[in-house]
Amino acid sequence: MTAPTIDIYTKFACPFCVRAKHLLEKKGASFNEYDITMGGAKRDEMLARAPQARTVPQIFIGDTYVGGSDDLAALEAAGKLDALLAG
């Protein structure tokens, strides 16, 4: 079984983005980071995937929309993040 693709949409100097990336790195997960500081096509892509998103980071693990940094931390606290990262 292969690990799911992880996409994280971030902005420059965002402390919540740093926290989310640190947790994923601590878990040994590789991820695609898309900086949407200046808007553009990746910001549009993020909004198409999560229309209600107004903040960053926005995190997707495989087909699962995780949400933001607090949502990722809550998955870890509940013991559910490892299973999601494993696919």
N, C-alpha and C. Protein backbone atom coordinates (compact mmCIF):
# COMPACT_ATOMS: atom_id res chain seq x y z
N MET A 1 0.85 -1.18 0.00
CA MET A 1 0.00 0.00 0.00
C MET A 1 0.89 1.24 0.00
N THR A 2 0.56 2.19 -0.83
CA THR A 2 1.35 3.42 -0.91
C THR A 2 0.69 4.52 -0.09
N ALA A 3 1.52 5.38 0.42
CA ALA A 3 1.02 6.50 1.21
C ALA A 3 0.24 7.45 0.30
N PRO A 4 -0.81 8.06 0.83
CA PRO A 4 -1.59 8.99 0.02
C PRO A 4 -0.82 10.28 -0.26
N THR A 5 -1.19 10.96 -1.31
CA THR A 5 -0.62 12.26 -1.63
C THR A 5 -1.14 13.28 -0.63
N ILE A 6 -0.24 14.10 -0.14
CA ILE A 6 -0.63 15.16 0.82
C ILE A 6 -0.38 16.50 0.16
N ASP A 7 -1.40 17.33 0.12
CA ASP A 7 -1.30 18.68 -0.41
C ASP A 7 -1.59 19.66 0.72
N ILE A 8 -0.74 20.67 0.83
CA ILE A 8 -0.96 21.70 1.85
C ILE A 8 -0.78 23.07 1.19
N TYR A 9 -1.80 23.89 1.32
CA TYR A 9 -1.79 25.25 0.78
C TYR A 9 -1.40 26.19 1.90
N THR A 10 -0.38 27.02 1.66
CA THR A 10 0.19 27.87 2.70
C THR A 10 0.36 29.31 2.21
N LYS A 11 0.73 30.17 3.14
CA LYS A 11 1.13 31.54 2.84
C LYS A 11 2.42 31.84 3.58
N PHE A 12 3.18 32.78 3.05
CA PHE A 12 4.44 33.20 3.63
C PHE A 12 4.25 33.68 5.07
N ALA A 13 5.13 33.26 5.94
CA ALA A 13 5.19 33.69 7.35
C ALA A 13 3.94 33.32 8.15
N CYS A 14 3.26 32.28 7.76
CA CYS A 14 2.06 31.82 8.48
C CYS A 14 2.48 30.83 9.57
N PRO A 15 2.30 31.20 10.86
CA PRO A 15 2.73 30.29 11.93
C PRO A 15 1.92 29.00 11.98
N PHE A 16 0.67 29.04 11.59
CA PHE A 16 -0.15 27.83 11.57
C PHE A 16 0.33 26.88 10.48
N CYS A 17 0.79 27.44 9.37
CA CYS A 17 1.34 26.63 8.28
C CYS A 17 2.62 25.94 8.74
N VAL A 18 3.46 26.69 9.44
CA VAL A 18 4.70 26.12 9.96
C VAL A 18 4.40 24.98 10.92
N ARG A 19 3.42 25.18 11.78
CA ARG A 19 3.05 24.15 12.76
C ARG A 19 2.55 22.89 12.07
N ALA A 20 1.71 23.05 11.06
CA ALA A 20 1.18 21.89 10.34
C ALA A 20 2.28 21.15 9.59
N LYS A 21 3.16 21.89 8.93
CA LYS A 21 4.26 21.27 8.20
C LYS A 21 5.20 20.54 9.16
N HIS A 22 5.45 21.13 10.32
CA HIS A 22 6.31 20.50 11.32
C HIS A 22 5.73 19.16 11.77
N LEU A 23 4.43 19.11 12.01
CA LEU A 23 3.80 17.86 12.44
C LEU A 23 3.90 16.80 11.34
N LEU A 24 3.65 17.19 10.10
CA LEU A 24 3.76 16.23 9.00
C LEU A 24 5.20 15.74 8.85
N GLU A 25 6.16 16.64 8.98
CA GLU A 25 7.57 16.26 8.88
C GLU A 25 7.95 15.32 10.03
N LYS A 26 7.45 15.61 11.22
CA LYS A 26 7.71 14.76 12.38
C LYS A 26 7.19 13.34 12.15
N LYS A 27 6.10 13.24 11.41
CA LYS A 27 5.50 11.95 11.08
C LYS A 27 6.22 11.27 9.92
N GLY A 28 7.17 11.97 9.32
CA GLY A 28 7.90 11.40 8.19
C GLY A 28 7.11 11.44 6.89
N ALA A 29 6.09 12.27 6.84
CA ALA A 29 5.24 12.36 5.66
C ALA A 29 5.79 13.40 4.68
N SER A 30 5.84 13.04 3.42
CA SER A 30 6.21 14.01 2.41
C SER A 30 4.93 14.66 1.89
N PHE A 31 5.05 15.91 1.48
CA PHE A 31 3.86 16.62 1.05
C PHE A 31 4.20 17.62 -0.04
N ASN A 32 3.17 17.99 -0.78
CA ASN A 32 3.27 19.03 -1.79
C ASN A 32 2.81 20.32 -1.14
N GLU A 33 3.67 21.33 -1.14
CA GLU A 33 3.30 22.62 -0.56
C GLU A 33 3.06 23.62 -1.68
N TYR A 34 1.91 24.29 -1.60
CA TYR A 34 1.54 25.30 -2.58
C TYR A 34 1.39 26.64 -1.87
N ASP A 35 2.28 27.57 -2.16
CA ASP A 35 2.26 28.90 -1.56
C ASP A 35 1.28 29.77 -2.34
N ILE A 36 0.23 30.19 -1.65
CA ILE A 36 -0.80 31.00 -2.31
C ILE A 36 -0.77 32.45 -1.82
N THR A 37 0.38 32.88 -1.31
CA THR A 37 0.53 34.24 -0.79
C THR A 37 0.07 35.29 -1.81
N MET A 38 0.44 35.10 -3.04
CA MET A 38 0.12 36.07 -4.09
C MET A 38 -1.14 35.69 -4.88
N GLY A 39 -1.90 34.73 -4.37
CA GLY A 39 -3.11 34.30 -5.07
C GLY A 39 -2.77 33.38 -6.22
N GLY A 40 -3.44 33.56 -7.34
CA GLY A 40 -3.11 32.79 -8.52
C GLY A 40 -3.87 31.48 -8.65
N ALA A 41 -3.39 30.67 -9.57
CA ALA A 41 -4.08 29.43 -9.94
C ALA A 41 -4.18 28.46 -8.77
N LYS A 42 -3.16 28.35 -7.93
CA LYS A 42 -3.21 27.41 -6.80
C LYS A 42 -4.21 27.87 -5.75
N ARG A 43 -4.39 29.17 -5.58
CA ARG A 43 -5.42 29.66 -4.66
C ARG A 43 -6.80 29.28 -5.19
N ASP A 44 -6.99 29.46 -6.49
CA ASP A 44 -8.25 29.06 -7.12
C ASP A 44 -8.49 27.56 -6.97
N GLU A 45 -7.42 26.78 -7.14
CA GLU A 45 -7.52 25.33 -6.97
C GLU A 45 -7.93 24.98 -5.55
N MET A 46 -7.31 25.64 -4.55
CA MET A 46 -7.66 25.39 -3.16
C MET A 46 -9.13 25.68 -2.90
N LEU A 47 -9.61 26.82 -3.42
CA LEU A 47 -11.01 27.19 -3.21
C LEU A 47 -11.96 26.25 -3.93
N ALA A 48 -11.53 25.68 -5.04
CA ALA A 48 -12.37 24.69 -5.73
C ALA A 48 -12.46 23.41 -4.91
N ARG A 49 -11.38 23.05 -4.24
CA ARG A 49 -11.35 21.83 -3.43
C ARG A 49 -12.03 22.03 -2.08
N ALA A 50 -11.95 23.23 -1.54
CA ALA A 50 -12.53 23.55 -0.23
C ALA A 50 -13.16 24.93 -0.32
N PRO A 51 -14.37 25.02 -0.89
CA PRO A 51 -15.00 26.32 -1.14
C PRO A 51 -15.17 27.20 0.10
N GLN A 52 -15.27 26.61 1.27
CA GLN A 52 -15.47 27.38 2.50
C GLN A 52 -14.16 27.89 3.09
N ALA A 53 -13.03 27.50 2.52
CA ALA A 53 -11.72 27.85 3.07
C ALA A 53 -11.44 29.34 2.93
N ARG A 54 -11.09 29.97 4.03
CA ARG A 54 -10.74 31.38 4.03
C ARG A 54 -9.40 31.63 4.71
N THR A 55 -8.84 30.58 5.28
CA THR A 55 -7.57 30.70 5.98
C THR A 55 -6.60 29.63 5.48
N VAL A 56 -5.37 29.75 5.86
CA VAL A 56 -4.38 28.72 5.58
C VAL A 56 -3.76 28.26 6.89
N PRO A 57 -3.24 27.06 6.93
CA PRO A 57 -3.14 26.14 5.82
C PRO A 57 -4.46 25.43 5.55
N GLN A 58 -4.56 24.90 4.36
CA GLN A 58 -5.63 23.98 4.00
C GLN A 58 -4.94 22.69 3.60
N ILE A 59 -5.34 21.59 4.25
CA ILE A 59 -4.61 20.33 4.12
C ILE A 59 -5.53 19.24 3.57
N PHE A 60 -5.00 18.51 2.60
CA PHE A 60 -5.69 17.39 1.99
C PHE A 60 -4.77 16.18 2.06
N ILE A 61 -5.28 15.07 2.58
CA ILE A 61 -4.53 13.82 2.62
C ILE A 61 -5.29 12.83 1.77
N GLY A 62 -4.72 12.50 0.62
CA GLY A 62 -5.44 11.66 -0.33
C GLY A 62 -6.72 12.36 -0.73
N ASP A 63 -7.83 11.65 -0.66
CA ASP A 63 -9.13 12.23 -1.00
C ASP A 63 -9.80 12.89 0.20
N THR A 64 -9.13 12.89 1.34
CA THR A 64 -9.72 13.42 2.57
C THR A 64 -9.33 14.89 2.78
N TYR A 65 -10.35 15.72 2.93
CA TYR A 65 -10.11 17.12 3.30
C TYR A 65 -9.95 17.17 4.81
N VAL A 66 -8.76 17.54 5.27
CA VAL A 66 -8.48 17.59 6.71
C VAL A 66 -8.94 18.92 7.30
N GLY A 67 -8.64 20.02 6.62
CA GLY A 67 -8.94 21.35 7.14
C GLY A 67 -7.64 22.07 7.42
N GLY A 68 -7.57 22.74 8.56
CA GLY A 68 -6.41 23.54 8.90
C GLY A 68 -5.49 22.88 9.90
N SER A 69 -4.60 23.68 10.45
CA SER A 69 -3.59 23.21 11.39
C SER A 69 -4.22 22.61 12.65
N ASP A 70 -5.23 23.28 13.18
CA ASP A 70 -5.90 22.77 14.38
C ASP A 70 -6.58 21.43 14.10
N ASP A 71 -7.14 21.28 12.91
CA ASP A 71 -7.80 20.02 12.54
C ASP A 71 -6.78 18.89 12.44
N LEU A 72 -5.61 19.20 11.87
CA LEU A 72 -4.55 18.21 11.77
C LEU A 72 -4.07 17.80 13.17
N ALA A 73 -3.89 18.78 14.04
CA ALA A 73 -3.46 18.50 15.42
C ALA A 73 -4.51 17.68 16.17
N ALA A 74 -5.79 17.94 15.90
CA ALA A 74 -6.86 17.18 16.55
C ALA A 74 -6.85 15.72 16.10
N LEU A 75 -6.56 15.49 14.82
CA LEU A 75 -6.43 14.11 14.34
C LEU A 75 -5.30 13.40 15.06
N GLU A 76 -4.19 14.09 15.23
CA GLU A 76 -3.04 13.51 15.94
C GLU A 76 -3.40 13.22 17.39
N ALA A 77 -4.06 14.16 18.07
CA ALA A 77 -4.44 13.98 19.46
C ALA A 77 -5.42 12.82 19.65
N ALA A 78 -6.27 12.61 18.64
CA ALA A 78 -7.25 11.53 18.71
C ALA A 78 -6.67 10.19 18.26
N GLY A 79 -5.40 10.18 17.85
CA GLY A 79 -4.78 8.95 17.41
C GLY A 79 -5.20 8.49 16.03
N LYS A 80 -5.73 9.40 15.21
CA LYS A 80 -6.25 9.02 13.90
C LYS A 80 -5.35 9.44 12.74
N LEU A 81 -4.34 10.26 13.01
CA LEU A 81 -3.52 10.78 11.92
C LEU A 81 -2.67 9.70 11.27
N ASP A 82 -2.06 8.82 12.06
CA ASP A 82 -1.19 7.79 11.50
C ASP A 82 -1.93 6.91 10.49
N ALA A 83 -3.14 6.51 10.81
CA ALA A 83 -3.93 5.68 9.90
C ALA A 83 -4.24 6.43 8.61
N LEU A 84 -4.55 7.70 8.72
CA LEU A 84 -4.85 8.50 7.54
C LEU A 84 -3.61 8.66 6.67
N LEU A 85 -2.47 8.86 7.29
CA LEU A 85 -1.21 8.99 6.55
C LEU A 85 -0.79 7.68 5.89
N ALA A 86 -1.17 6.57 6.50
CA ALA A 86 -0.82 5.25 5.96
C ALA A 86 -1.67 4.88 4.75
N GLY A 87 -2.81 5.55 4.62
CA GLY A 87 -3.70 5.24 3.51
C GLY A 87 -4.71 4.26 3.92
